[in-house]
Structures are given as structure tokens and as C-alpha cells.
């Protein structure tokens, strides 16, 4: 008798030999599914740099950057005379902005502008055509010596001087007049106690010696005329210490191409009128430095 047998055979499972594929995200961040191969090491070409060579290269880069800055951006100058006292004192070391008056057409997004009346500028001394012997002094060489003065007349302005008043285009320049005495040409002027306060519109101070103004004073640049006209691309400048300043009244106008820049601020000031301490150079430096003038804006 035949019987029906049911075979409960379990099919043999195939060995799991297939590799698991990486996920899509993994392939996206792993260079399209390909394993990132390490780059072979790069061998340095040439001899290795020494410490001295690295220092030398750094020094060269520093010098190049400094020359670029001194040529186009800023310049340091020292004030050796008292023609701008008490606005600027003898021994002041100034930083000059050379970029603000850069020649050529200025772009609206650059901090450049034209020279204005009242600006304190640093320029190369143009020389004295009326008294050339003054240019023979070693500290007063044309082009080689830098001057610091205030701009009074712009190109085309008519300049006239009446006593202590400077008249430009028929109008008295609004200056704050201060009476002061010069006891020592290397020290600050001693201001009188009864000077009137500055009035609205008087943007800067000028200093005159006590006593009535000399109405009969004659200036070489005027050549006997009551009024002179500033030429194009030139400026008429004066020192704030009006009785002790060789300026445009004596040697004429400043050409535009001799202007170096605008005086910004005092970065260091040394009192040259002070006596030595007797304790050496370092002690003199700390004792005679005018620390209160450090950072003073020139205006």
C-alpha cells in the first residue's frame, strides 16, 4: 500500500558572499563612491631653509612694506623750529598723511580730498628767490628741508595783510588772536592771561607778541604791493607764531607738487629746552619726553 510522504526538506542557504554596497550618502561624500586614495608624499625640492634665511626673508618683506608705506601712505617728520608754536612745539615728532592729498582724480570711496584753507601741511621748502643767501644754511636747503605751515591762501585767492589781520578776497580771515611772549625759542610761548576766548567761527589759534601791530611791516613776497594773487596750483602758507615764522610772506608760494601731506598727530614729543638729568640718556628720555602730547591731534 502506497503511502504519501511529505518531505520537510529545508533548502540549503547560499553563503553570504556578496559585499554590502555603501549607502548613497556615503558615496556622495566619498568621491562618488570611490575610496579616497592617499596622496604620495611630496619631496621638498632644493636645500632646506636655514633659520637665518627665514629671518632674512622676513626682514626683506618688512622693509618692502615699510618703504611702500613711507612712499604712499604716511611719513614721520620732526619739528625743529618754533614757527608753529604753540600749535606745534619744538621737539614734536609728527605723522604725516601722504595719501589724503595724493595727486590725480580722487575716487569717492577713498579718503582723499583737496587742500583747504586752515589745513596744516608738510611740504618741501621751495627756496627764497628774494634772498638766496638764506638758502645757504645747512638746515634750510631748498627741496631737501621740510616745512610745516598752515594754509591761508588757495589758488586764485587775493591776499593782503593789514597789521595782525590777514585779508583773503576782501574778508578778514577769522583767526583767534592770542598775545604771547617768547622767552626761549625752544620752549612754549607764554600766553597772556587776559586773552579773549575763542569766538564762533575762529577755527584755530595764532600768536602775536605783546604791543601794537606793526602796520608798516613790509614783506618781500609782496614787492611793495598791497595785495598779491595766489597762482594756480600753488598755496600761500603762514606759521601760527606770526612774529617768528619764515613763510610765504618772505619767500613766496608753495607749488602743489612740493606738498608732502597733512600733519595728523604727535606720536612723540621731546622737550629740547629741558636740562639733562645727569643720569644718562635713558633717564633723559623718560624725564624730558612730553608724555601729555603723545597722540595730540594737529589742527
C-alpha atoms as a PDB file:
ATOM      1  CA  UNK A   1       0.000   0.000   0.000  1.00  0.00           C
ATOM      2  CA  UNK A   2       1.343   3.110  -1.107  1.00  0.00           C
ATOM      3  CA  UNK A   3       1.699   5.946   1.389  1.00  0.00           C
ATOM      4  CA  UNK A   4       2.029   9.638   0.742  1.00  0.00           C
ATOM      5  CA  UNK A   5       5.115  11.019   2.467  1.00  0.00           C
ATOM      6  CA  UNK A   6       5.727  14.686   2.776  1.00  0.00           C
ATOM      7  CA  UNK A   7       9.364  15.660   2.669  1.00  0.00           C
ATOM      8  CA  UNK A   8      10.134  18.578   5.004  1.00  0.00           C
ATOM      9  CA  UNK A   9      13.476  19.378   3.458  1.00  0.00           C
ATOM     10  CA  UNK A  10      14.905  22.832   4.229  1.00  0.00           C
ATOM     11  CA  UNK A  11      16.663  24.311   1.238  1.00  0.00           C
ATOM     12  CA  UNK A  12      20.295  24.903   1.840  1.00  0.00           C
ATOM     13  CA  UNK A  13      21.031  28.562   2.272  1.00  0.00           C
ATOM     14  CA  UNK A  14      23.591  30.109  -0.012  1.00  0.00           C
ATOM     15  CA  UNK A  15      26.623  31.513   1.614  1.00  0.00           C
ATOM     16  CA  UNK A  16      26.541  35.279   2.012  1.00  0.00           C
ATOM     17  CA  UNK A  17      29.389  36.088  -0.290  1.00  0.00           C
ATOM     18  CA  UNK A  18      28.015  39.371  -1.760  1.00  0.00           C
ATOM     19  CA  UNK A  19      29.619  42.606  -0.389  1.00  0.00           C
ATOM     20  CA  UNK A  20      27.348  45.221   1.107  1.00  0.00           C
ATOM     21  CA  UNK A  21      27.115  48.305  -1.041  1.00  0.00           C
ATOM     22  CA  UNK A  22      27.764  51.613   0.693  1.00  0.00           C
ATOM     23  CA  UNK A  23      24.859  53.965   1.155  1.00  0.00           C
ATOM     24  CA  UNK A  24      24.141  56.781  -1.237  1.00  0.00           C
ATOM     25  CA  UNK A  25      25.121  59.455   1.299  1.00  0.00           C
ATOM     26  CA  UNK A  26      28.428  57.739   1.920  1.00  0.00           C
ATOM     27  CA  UNK A  27      29.159  57.573  -1.793  1.00  0.00           C
ATOM     28  CA  UNK A  28      28.281  61.242  -2.195  1.00  0.00           C
ATOM     29  CA  UNK A  29      30.783  62.345   0.404  1.00  0.00           C
ATOM     30  CA  UNK A  30      33.387  59.785  -0.589  1.00  0.00           C
ATOM     31  CA  UNK A  31      34.332  60.984  -4.087  1.00  0.00           C
ATOM     32  CA  UNK A  32      31.393  59.367  -5.949  1.00  0.00           C
ATOM     33  CA  UNK A  33      31.696  56.056  -4.222  1.00  0.00           C
ATOM     34  CA  UNK A  34      35.403  55.564  -4.766  1.00  0.00           C
ATOM     35  CA  UNK A  35      37.671  55.213  -1.832  1.00  0.00           C
ATOM     36  CA  UNK A  36      39.926  58.211  -1.276  1.00  0.00           C
ATOM     37  CA  UNK A  37      43.440  57.293  -2.091  1.00  0.00           C
ATOM     38  CA  UNK A  38      46.175  58.933  -0.021  1.00  0.00           C
ATOM     39  CA  UNK A  39      48.424  61.227  -1.996  1.00  0.00           C
ATOM     40  CA  UNK A  40      52.043  60.249  -2.235  1.00  0.00           C
ATOM     41  CA  UNK A  41      54.320  62.383  -0.078  1.00  0.00           C
ATOM     42  CA  UNK A  42      55.859  65.343  -1.856  1.00  0.00           C
ATOM     43  CA  UNK A  43      59.556  65.611  -1.517  1.00  0.00           C
ATOM     44  CA  UNK A  44      60.820  69.151  -0.900  1.00  0.00           C
ATOM     45  CA  UNK A  45      62.833  70.499  -3.770  1.00  0.00           C
ATOM     46  CA  UNK A  46      66.091  72.245  -3.117  1.00  0.00           C
ATOM     47  CA  UNK A  47      68.063  72.501   0.078  1.00  0.00           C
ATOM     48  CA  UNK A  48      66.134  73.081   3.341  1.00  0.00           C
ATOM     49  CA  UNK A  49      65.782  76.671   4.576  1.00  0.00           C
ATOM     50  CA  UNK A  50      68.003  77.688   7.419  1.00  0.00           C
ATOM     51  CA  UNK A  51      66.863  79.857  10.320  1.00  0.00           C
ATOM     52  CA  UNK A  52      68.983  82.748   9.057  1.00  0.00           C
ATOM     53  CA  UNK A  53      67.392  82.529   5.624  1.00  0.00           C
ATOM     54  CA  UNK A  54      63.891  82.697   7.126  1.00  0.00           C
ATOM     55  CA  UNK A  55      64.873  85.756   9.177  1.00  0.00           C
ATOM     56  CA  UNK A  56      66.361  87.373   6.082  1.00  0.00           C
ATOM     57  CA  UNK A  57      63.222  86.803   4.012  1.00  0.00           C
ATOM     58  CA  UNK A  58      61.038  88.224   6.785  1.00  0.00           C
ATOM     59  CA  UNK A  59      63.288  91.268   7.046  1.00  0.00           C
ATOM     60  CA  UNK A  60      63.121  91.877   3.282  1.00  0.00           C
ATOM     61  CA  UNK A  61      59.312  91.723   3.300  1.00  0.00           C
ATOM     62  CA  UNK A  62      59.183  94.103   6.278  1.00  0.00           C
ATOM     63  CA  UNK A  63      61.482  96.606   4.570  1.00  0.00           C
ATOM     64  CA  UNK A  64      59.437  96.497   1.357  1.00  0.00           C
ATOM     65  CA  UNK A  65      56.191  97.130   3.261  1.00  0.00           C
ATOM     66  CA  UNK A  66      57.794  99.967   5.239  1.00  0.00           C
ATOM     67  CA  UNK A  67      59.093 101.628   2.067  1.00  0.00           C
ATOM     68  CA  UNK A  68      55.677 101.320   0.461  1.00  0.00           C
ATOM     69  CA  UNK A  69      54.001 102.894   3.486  1.00  0.00           C
ATOM     70  CA  UNK A  70      56.524 105.747   3.718  1.00  0.00           C
ATOM     71  CA  UNK A  71      56.245 106.436  -0.001  1.00  0.00           C
ATOM     72  CA  UNK A  72      52.476 106.447  -0.432  1.00  0.00           C
ATOM     73  CA  UNK A  73      50.710 106.489   2.976  1.00  0.00           C
ATOM     74  CA  UNK A  74      52.487 108.069   5.961  1.00  0.00           C
ATOM     75  CA  UNK A  75      55.769 109.743   6.809  1.00  0.00           C
ATOM     76  CA  UNK A  76      57.367 110.713  10.116  1.00  0.00           C
ATOM     77  CA  UNK A  77      58.821 114.223  10.491  1.00  0.00           C
ATOM     78  CA  UNK A  78      60.413 116.174  13.322  1.00  0.00           C
ATOM     79  CA  UNK A  79      59.671 119.832  14.046  1.00  0.00           C
ATOM     80  CA  UNK A  80      62.961 121.683  14.713  1.00  0.00           C
ATOM     81  CA  UNK A  81      61.734 125.306  14.817  1.00  0.00           C
ATOM     82  CA  UNK A  82      59.113 127.327  16.662  1.00  0.00           C
ATOM     83  CA  UNK A  83      57.237 128.842  13.722  1.00  0.00           C
ATOM     84  CA  UNK A  84      54.074 126.885  14.600  1.00  0.00           C
ATOM     85  CA  UNK A  85      54.121 127.338  18.387  1.00  0.00           C
ATOM     86  CA  UNK A  86      52.023 126.775  20.418  1.00  0.00           C
ATOM     87  CA  UNK A  87      50.029 124.651  17.975  1.00  0.00           C
ATOM     88  CA  UNK A  88      53.114 122.521  17.344  1.00  0.00           C
ATOM     89  CA  UNK A  89      56.084 122.716  19.691  1.00  0.00           C
ATOM     90  CA  UNK A  90      59.799 122.250  19.060  1.00  0.00           C
ATOM     91  CA  UNK A  91      60.672 118.588  19.505  1.00  0.00           C
ATOM     92  CA  UNK A  92      57.302 117.259  18.306  1.00  0.00           C
ATOM     93  CA  UNK A  93      57.513 114.222  16.039  1.00  0.00           C
ATOM     94  CA  UNK A  94      54.568 114.092  13.664  1.00  0.00           C
ATOM     95  CA  UNK A  95      52.948 111.513  11.450  1.00  0.00           C
ATOM     96  CA  UNK A  96      52.029 112.948   8.076  1.00  0.00           C
ATOM     97  CA  UNK A  97      49.149 111.622   5.984  1.00  0.00           C
ATOM     98  CA  UNK A  98      50.540 111.495   2.432  1.00  0.00           C
ATOM     99  CA  UNK A  99      47.531 109.732   0.943  1.00  0.00           C
ATOM    100  CA  UNK A 100      44.866 112.349   1.673  1.00  0.00           C
ATOM    101  CA  UNK A 101      46.349 114.879  -0.782  1.00  0.00           C
ATOM    102  CA  UNK A 102      47.544 112.358  -3.357  1.00  0.00           C
ATOM    103  CA  UNK A 103      47.691 113.923  -6.837  1.00  0.00           C
ATOM    104  CA  UNK A 104      45.232 112.951  -9.515  1.00  0.00           C
ATOM    105  CA  UNK A 105      41.498 112.417  -9.525  1.00  0.00           C
ATOM    106  CA  UNK A 106      40.233 111.014  -6.224  1.00  0.00           C
ATOM    107  CA  UNK A 107      37.696 108.211  -6.076  1.00  0.00           C
ATOM    108  CA  UNK A 108      34.576 108.647  -3.891  1.00  0.00           C
ATOM    109  CA  UNK A 109      35.347 105.603  -1.719  1.00  0.00           C
ATOM    110  CA  UNK A 110      38.917 106.722  -0.912  1.00  0.00           C
ATOM    111  CA  UNK A 111      39.792 109.133   1.947  1.00  0.00           C
ATOM    112  CA  UNK A 112      41.172 111.798  -0.369  1.00  0.00           C
ATOM    113  CA  UNK A 113      40.294 115.476  -0.740  1.00  0.00           C
ATOM    114  CA  UNK A 114      41.642 118.810  -1.921  1.00  0.00           C
ATOM    115  CA  UNK A 115      43.745 121.089   0.260  1.00  0.00           C
ATOM    116  CA  UNK A 116      41.609 123.505   2.278  1.00  0.00           C
ATOM    117  CA  UNK A 117      42.243 126.822   3.971  1.00  0.00           C
ATOM    118  CA  UNK A 118      43.330 126.139   7.546  1.00  0.00           C
ATOM    119  CA  UNK A 119      44.997 122.778   6.828  1.00  0.00           C
ATOM    120  CA  UNK A 120      48.420 122.244   8.383  1.00  0.00           C
ATOM    121  CA  UNK A 121      50.599 120.801   5.650  1.00  0.00           C
ATOM    122  CA  UNK A 122      54.127 119.473   5.380  1.00  0.00           C
ATOM    123  CA  UNK A 123      55.976 120.429   2.208  1.00  0.00           C
ATOM    124  CA  UNK A 124      59.427 120.713   0.708  1.00  0.00           C
ATOM    125  CA  UNK A 125      60.861 124.188   1.131  1.00  0.00           C
ATOM    126  CA  UNK A 126      60.706 125.854  -2.330  1.00  0.00           C
ATOM    127  CA  UNK A 127      63.566 128.288  -1.730  1.00  0.00           C
ATOM    128  CA  UNK A 128      63.754 132.058  -1.318  1.00  0.00           C
ATOM    129  CA  UNK A 129      64.101 133.878  -4.646  1.00  0.00           C
ATOM    130  CA  UNK A 130      64.147 137.267  -2.869  1.00  0.00           C
ATOM    131  CA  UNK A 131      67.041 136.466  -0.506  1.00  0.00           C
ATOM    132  CA  UNK A 132      69.004 133.435  -1.807  1.00  0.00           C
ATOM    133  CA  UNK A 133      71.636 133.755   0.938  1.00  0.00           C
ATOM    134  CA  UNK A 134      69.118 132.377   3.438  1.00  0.00           C
ATOM    135  CA  UNK A 135      69.138 129.120   1.493  1.00  0.00           C
ATOM    136  CA  UNK A 136      72.840 128.589   2.143  1.00  0.00           C
ATOM    137  CA  UNK A 137      72.229 127.427   5.714  1.00  0.00           C
ATOM    138  CA  UNK A 138      72.628 123.634   6.021  1.00  0.00           C
ATOM    139  CA  UNK A 139      69.267 123.391   7.823  1.00  0.00           C
ATOM    140  CA  UNK A 140      67.397 125.416   5.219  1.00  0.00           C
ATOM    141  CA  UNK A 141      68.131 123.785   1.874  1.00  0.00           C
ATOM    142  CA  UNK A 142      65.501 124.095  -0.869  1.00  0.00           C
ATOM    143  CA  UNK A 143      63.720 120.813  -1.644  1.00  0.00           C
ATOM    144  CA  UNK A 144      65.799 118.963   0.978  1.00  0.00           C
ATOM    145  CA  UNK A 145      64.276 120.722   4.022  1.00  0.00           C
ATOM    146  CA  UNK A 146      60.694 120.018   5.082  1.00  0.00           C
ATOM    147  CA  UNK A 147      58.489 122.852   6.383  1.00  0.00           C
ATOM    148  CA  UNK A 148      55.274 122.733   8.418  1.00  0.00           C
ATOM    149  CA  UNK A 149      52.845 125.637   7.930  1.00  0.00           C
ATOM    150  CA  UNK A 150      49.147 126.447   7.815  1.00  0.00           C
ATOM    151  CA  UNK A 151      47.389 127.063   4.503  1.00  0.00           C
ATOM    152  CA  UNK A 152      45.974 130.588   4.287  1.00  0.00           C
ATOM    153  CA  UNK A 153      45.504 131.205   0.558  1.00  0.00           C
ATOM    154  CA  UNK A 154      44.233 128.812  -2.124  1.00  0.00           C
ATOM    155  CA  UNK A 155      44.855 129.097  -5.883  1.00  0.00           C
ATOM    156  CA  UNK A 156      43.328 132.321  -7.196  1.00  0.00           C
ATOM    157  CA  UNK A 157      42.900 133.950  -3.751  1.00  0.00           C
ATOM    158  CA  UNK A 158      43.807 137.608  -3.248  1.00  0.00           C
ATOM    159  CA  UNK A 159      45.992 138.056  -0.145  1.00  0.00           C
ATOM    160  CA  UNK A 160      46.508 141.245   1.842  1.00  0.00           C
ATOM    161  CA  UNK A 161      47.982 141.789   5.313  1.00  0.00           C
ATOM    162  CA  UNK A 162      46.811 144.658   7.484  1.00  0.00           C
ATOM    163  CA  UNK A 163      48.604 144.706  10.834  1.00  0.00           C
ATOM    164  CA  UNK A 164      47.707 141.453  12.603  1.00  0.00           C
ATOM    165  CA  UNK A 165      44.818 140.717  10.236  1.00  0.00           C
ATOM    166  CA  UNK A 166      45.113 138.531   7.145  1.00  0.00           C
ATOM    167  CA  UNK A 167      42.604 139.500   4.473  1.00  0.00           C
ATOM    168  CA  UNK A 168      41.648 136.983   1.793  1.00  0.00           C
ATOM    169  CA  UNK A 169      39.405 138.063  -1.081  1.00  0.00           C
ATOM    170  CA  UNK A 170      38.400 141.174   0.836  1.00  0.00           C
ATOM    171  CA  UNK A 171      37.396 139.294   4.006  1.00  0.00           C
ATOM    172  CA  UNK A 172      39.358 139.116   7.266  1.00  0.00           C
ATOM    173  CA  UNK A 173      40.304 135.503   7.985  1.00  0.00           C
ATOM    174  CA  UNK A 174      38.580 134.519  11.278  1.00  0.00           C
ATOM    175  CA  UNK A 175      41.563 133.612  13.457  1.00  0.00           C
ATOM    176  CA  UNK A 176      41.755 133.523  17.259  1.00  0.00           C
ATOM    177  CA  UNK A 177      44.485 136.016  18.147  1.00  0.00           C
ATOM    178  CA  UNK A 178      46.494 135.239  21.284  1.00  0.00           C
ATOM    179  CA  UNK A 179      49.112 137.523  22.824  1.00  0.00           C
ATOM    180  CA  UNK A 180      52.177 135.520  23.865  1.00  0.00           C
ATOM    181  CA  UNK A 181      55.793 136.119  24.862  1.00  0.00           C
ATOM    182  CA  UNK A 182      58.719 134.088  23.558  1.00  0.00           C
ATOM    183  CA  UNK A 183      61.225 133.656  26.398  1.00  0.00           C
ATOM    184  CA  UNK A 184      63.095 130.709  24.886  1.00  0.00           C
ATOM    185  CA  UNK A 185      62.945 129.752  21.235  1.00  0.00           C
ATOM    186  CA  UNK A 186      62.877 126.061  22.211  1.00  0.00           C
ATOM    187  CA  UNK A 187      60.185 126.367  24.862  1.00  0.00           C
ATOM    188  CA  UNK A 188      56.471 127.040  24.553  1.00  0.00           C
ATOM    189  CA  UNK A 189      55.233 130.606  24.266  1.00  0.00           C
ATOM    190  CA  UNK A 190      53.933 132.157  27.471  1.00  0.00           C
ATOM    191  CA  UNK A 191      50.365 133.197  26.780  1.00  0.00           C
ATOM    192  CA  UNK A 192      48.977 136.347  28.388  1.00  0.00           C
ATOM    193  CA  UNK A 193      46.266 135.837  30.990  1.00  0.00           C
ATOM    194  CA  UNK A 194      43.873 138.409  29.578  1.00  0.00           C
ATOM    195  CA  UNK A 195      43.478 136.877  26.100  1.00  0.00           C
ATOM    196  CA  UNK A 196      39.874 136.874  24.881  1.00  0.00           C
ATOM    197  CA  UNK A 197      38.160 133.480  24.485  1.00  0.00           C
ATOM    198  CA  UNK A 198      37.767 131.950  21.061  1.00  0.00           C
ATOM    199  CA  UNK A 199      34.683 133.158  19.244  1.00  0.00           C
ATOM    200  CA  UNK A 200      32.401 131.076  16.997  1.00  0.00           C
ATOM    201  CA  UNK A 201      33.945 130.702  13.555  1.00  0.00           C
ATOM    202  CA  UNK A 202      37.538 131.064  14.801  1.00  0.00           C
ATOM    203  CA  UNK A 203      38.841 127.612  13.932  1.00  0.00           C
ATOM    204  CA  UNK A 204      42.450 127.914  15.094  1.00  0.00           C
ATOM    205  CA  UNK A 205      44.825 129.993  17.242  1.00  0.00           C
ATOM    206  CA  UNK A 206      47.561 132.361  16.081  1.00  0.00           C
ATOM    207  CA  UNK A 207      50.101 134.033  18.344  1.00  0.00           C
ATOM    208  CA  UNK A 208      51.426 137.599  18.321  1.00  0.00           C
ATOM    209  CA  UNK A 209      53.913 139.369  20.562  1.00  0.00           C
ATOM    210  CA  UNK A 210      52.573 141.978  23.012  1.00  0.00           C
ATOM    211  CA  UNK A 211      52.170 145.527  21.824  1.00  0.00           C
ATOM    212  CA  UNK A 212      50.523 147.239  18.871  1.00  0.00           C
ATOM    213  CA  UNK A 213      50.874 145.651  15.430  1.00  0.00           C
ATOM    214  CA  UNK A 214      53.491 146.974  13.048  1.00  0.00           C
ATOM    215  CA  UNK A 215      51.408 148.479  10.281  1.00  0.00           C
ATOM    216  CA  UNK A 216      54.493 149.500   8.314  1.00  0.00           C
ATOM    217  CA  UNK A 217      55.909 145.985   8.061  1.00  0.00           C
ATOM    218  CA  UNK A 218      56.964 145.156   4.500  1.00  0.00           C
ATOM    219  CA  UNK A 219      57.195 141.615   3.198  1.00  0.00           C
ATOM    220  CA  UNK A 220      59.466 140.501   0.379  1.00  0.00           C
ATOM    221  CA  UNK A 221      56.839 138.435  -1.437  1.00  0.00           C
ATOM    222  CA  UNK A 222      54.541 141.460  -1.812  1.00  0.00           C
ATOM    223  CA  UNK A 223      57.297 143.522  -3.521  1.00  0.00           C
ATOM    224  CA  UNK A 224      55.766 146.799  -2.456  1.00  0.00           C
ATOM    225  CA  UNK A 225      52.219 145.775  -3.425  1.00  0.00           C
ATOM    226  CA  UNK A 226      49.273 145.865  -1.036  1.00  0.00           C
ATOM    227  CA  UNK A 227      47.780 142.679  -2.452  1.00  0.00           C
ATOM    228  CA  UNK A 228      49.055 139.587  -4.234  1.00  0.00           C
ATOM    229  CA  UNK A 229      47.224 136.772  -6.030  1.00  0.00           C
ATOM    230  CA  UNK A 230      47.997 133.096  -5.391  1.00  0.00           C
ATOM    231  CA  UNK A 231      48.965 131.397  -8.694  1.00  0.00           C
ATOM    232  CA  UNK A 232      47.231 128.297  -9.949  1.00  0.00           C
ATOM    233  CA  UNK A 233      48.415 125.021  -8.371  1.00  0.00           C
ATOM    234  CA  UNK A 234      50.093 126.992  -5.561  1.00  0.00           C
ATOM    235  CA  UNK A 235      49.315 127.962  -1.958  1.00  0.00           C
ATOM    236  CA  UNK A 236      50.024 130.811   0.457  1.00  0.00           C
ATOM    237  CA  UNK A 237      51.091 129.491   3.878  1.00  0.00           C
ATOM    238  CA  UNK A 238      51.923 131.044   7.244  1.00  0.00           C
ATOM    239  CA  UNK A 239      53.151 129.879  10.621  1.00  0.00           C
ATOM    240  CA  UNK A 240      50.903 130.236  13.694  1.00  0.00           C
ATOM    241  CA  UNK A 241      53.732 132.012  15.536  1.00  0.00           C
ATOM    242  CA  UNK A 242      53.336 135.059  13.334  1.00  0.00           C
ATOM    243  CA  UNK A 243      56.286 137.067  14.670  1.00  0.00           C
ATOM    244  CA  UNK A 244      58.720 134.178  14.340  1.00  0.00           C
ATOM    245  CA  UNK A 245      57.919 132.412  11.086  1.00  0.00           C
ATOM    246  CA  UNK A 246      59.608 132.465   7.707  1.00  0.00           C
ATOM    247  CA  UNK A 247      56.732 131.689   5.385  1.00  0.00           C
ATOM    248  CA  UNK A 248      55.023 132.813   2.193  1.00  0.00           C
ATOM    249  CA  UNK A 249      55.278 136.445   3.298  1.00  0.00           C
ATOM    250  CA  UNK A 250      59.029 136.263   2.781  1.00  0.00           C
ATOM    251  CA  UNK A 251      59.761 133.609   0.137  1.00  0.00           C
ATOM    252  CA  UNK A 252      56.529 133.239  -1.828  1.00  0.00           C
ATOM    253  CA  UNK A 253      54.129 130.446  -2.678  1.00  0.00           C
ATOM    254  CA  UNK A 254      54.222 126.663  -2.267  1.00  0.00           C
ATOM    255  CA  UNK A 255      53.759 124.721  -5.530  1.00  0.00           C
ATOM    256  CA  UNK A 256      51.307 121.842  -5.321  1.00  0.00           C
ATOM    257  CA  UNK A 257      53.889 119.247  -6.342  1.00  0.00           C
ATOM    258  CA  UNK A 258      56.031 120.110  -3.281  1.00  0.00           C
ATOM    259  CA  UNK A 259      53.258 119.271  -0.797  1.00  0.00           C
ATOM    260  CA  UNK A 260      54.033 116.044   1.075  1.00  0.00           C
ATOM    261  CA  UNK A 261      50.827 115.666   3.070  1.00  0.00           C
ATOM    262  CA  UNK A 262      48.716 116.763   6.013  1.00  0.00           C
ATOM    263  CA  UNK A 263      50.051 116.688   9.570  1.00  0.00           C
ATOM    264  CA  UNK A 264      47.911 114.259  11.590  1.00  0.00           C
ATOM    265  CA  UNK A 265      49.099 113.866  15.184  1.00  0.00           C
ATOM    266  CA  UNK A 266      52.087 113.871  17.531  1.00  0.00           C
ATOM    267  CA  UNK A 267      53.421 110.356  18.097  1.00  0.00           C
ATOM    268  CA  UNK A 268      56.300 111.525  20.334  1.00  0.00           C
ATOM    269  CA  UNK A 269      57.479 114.841  21.749  1.00  0.00           C
ATOM    270  CA  UNK A 270      60.812 115.597  23.416  1.00  0.00           C
ATOM    271  CA  UNK A 271      61.425 118.798  25.381  1.00  0.00           C
ATOM    272  CA  UNK A 272      64.676 120.082  23.914  1.00  0.00           C
ATOM    273  CA  UNK A 273      64.678 123.062  26.296  1.00  0.00           C
ATOM    274  CA  UNK A 274      64.901 120.798  29.374  1.00  0.00           C
ATOM    275  CA  UNK A 275      68.245 120.331  31.105  1.00  0.00           C
ATOM    276  CA  UNK A 276      69.903 116.898  31.261  1.00  0.00           C
ATOM    277  CA  UNK A 277      69.110 114.884  34.367  1.00  0.00           C
ATOM    278  CA  UNK A 278      72.686 113.715  34.797  1.00  0.00           C
ATOM    279  CA  UNK A 279      71.568 110.095  34.951  1.00  0.00           C
ATOM    280  CA  UNK A 280      72.223 109.204  31.317  1.00  0.00           C
ATOM    281  CA  UNK A 281      70.358 109.069  28.038  1.00  0.00           C
ATOM    282  CA  UNK A 282      67.642 106.684  29.215  1.00  0.00           C
ATOM    283  CA  UNK A 283      66.804 108.844  32.228  1.00  0.00           C
ATOM    284  CA  UNK A 284      66.719 111.949  29.998  1.00  0.00           C
ATOM    285  CA  UNK A 285      64.376 110.161  27.583  1.00  0.00           C
ATOM    286  CA  UNK A 286      61.772 109.347  30.233  1.00  0.00           C
ATOM    287  CA  UNK A 287      62.154 112.639  32.114  1.00  0.00           C
ATOM    288  CA  UNK A 288      62.149 115.030  29.139  1.00  0.00           C
ATOM    289  CA  UNK A 289      59.544 113.308  26.983  1.00  0.00           C
ATOM    290  CA  UNK A 290      56.303 115.285  26.877  1.00  0.00           C
ATOM    291  CA  UNK A 291      54.043 112.342  27.564  1.00  0.00           C
ATOM    292  CA  UNK A 292      50.932 114.536  27.621  1.00  0.00           C
ATOM    293  CA  UNK A 293      51.455 115.455  23.958  1.00  0.00           C
ATOM    294  CA  UNK A 294      51.588 111.864  22.748  1.00  0.00           C
ATOM    295  CA  UNK A 295      48.611 111.317  20.462  1.00  0.00           C
ATOM    296  CA  UNK A 296      47.752 115.046  20.241  1.00  0.00           C
ATOM    297  CA  UNK A 297      45.862 115.817  17.030  1.00  0.00           C
ATOM    298  CA  UNK A 298      47.328 118.607  14.921  1.00  0.00           C
ATOM    299  CA  UNK A 299      44.631 121.086  13.928  1.00  0.00           C
END
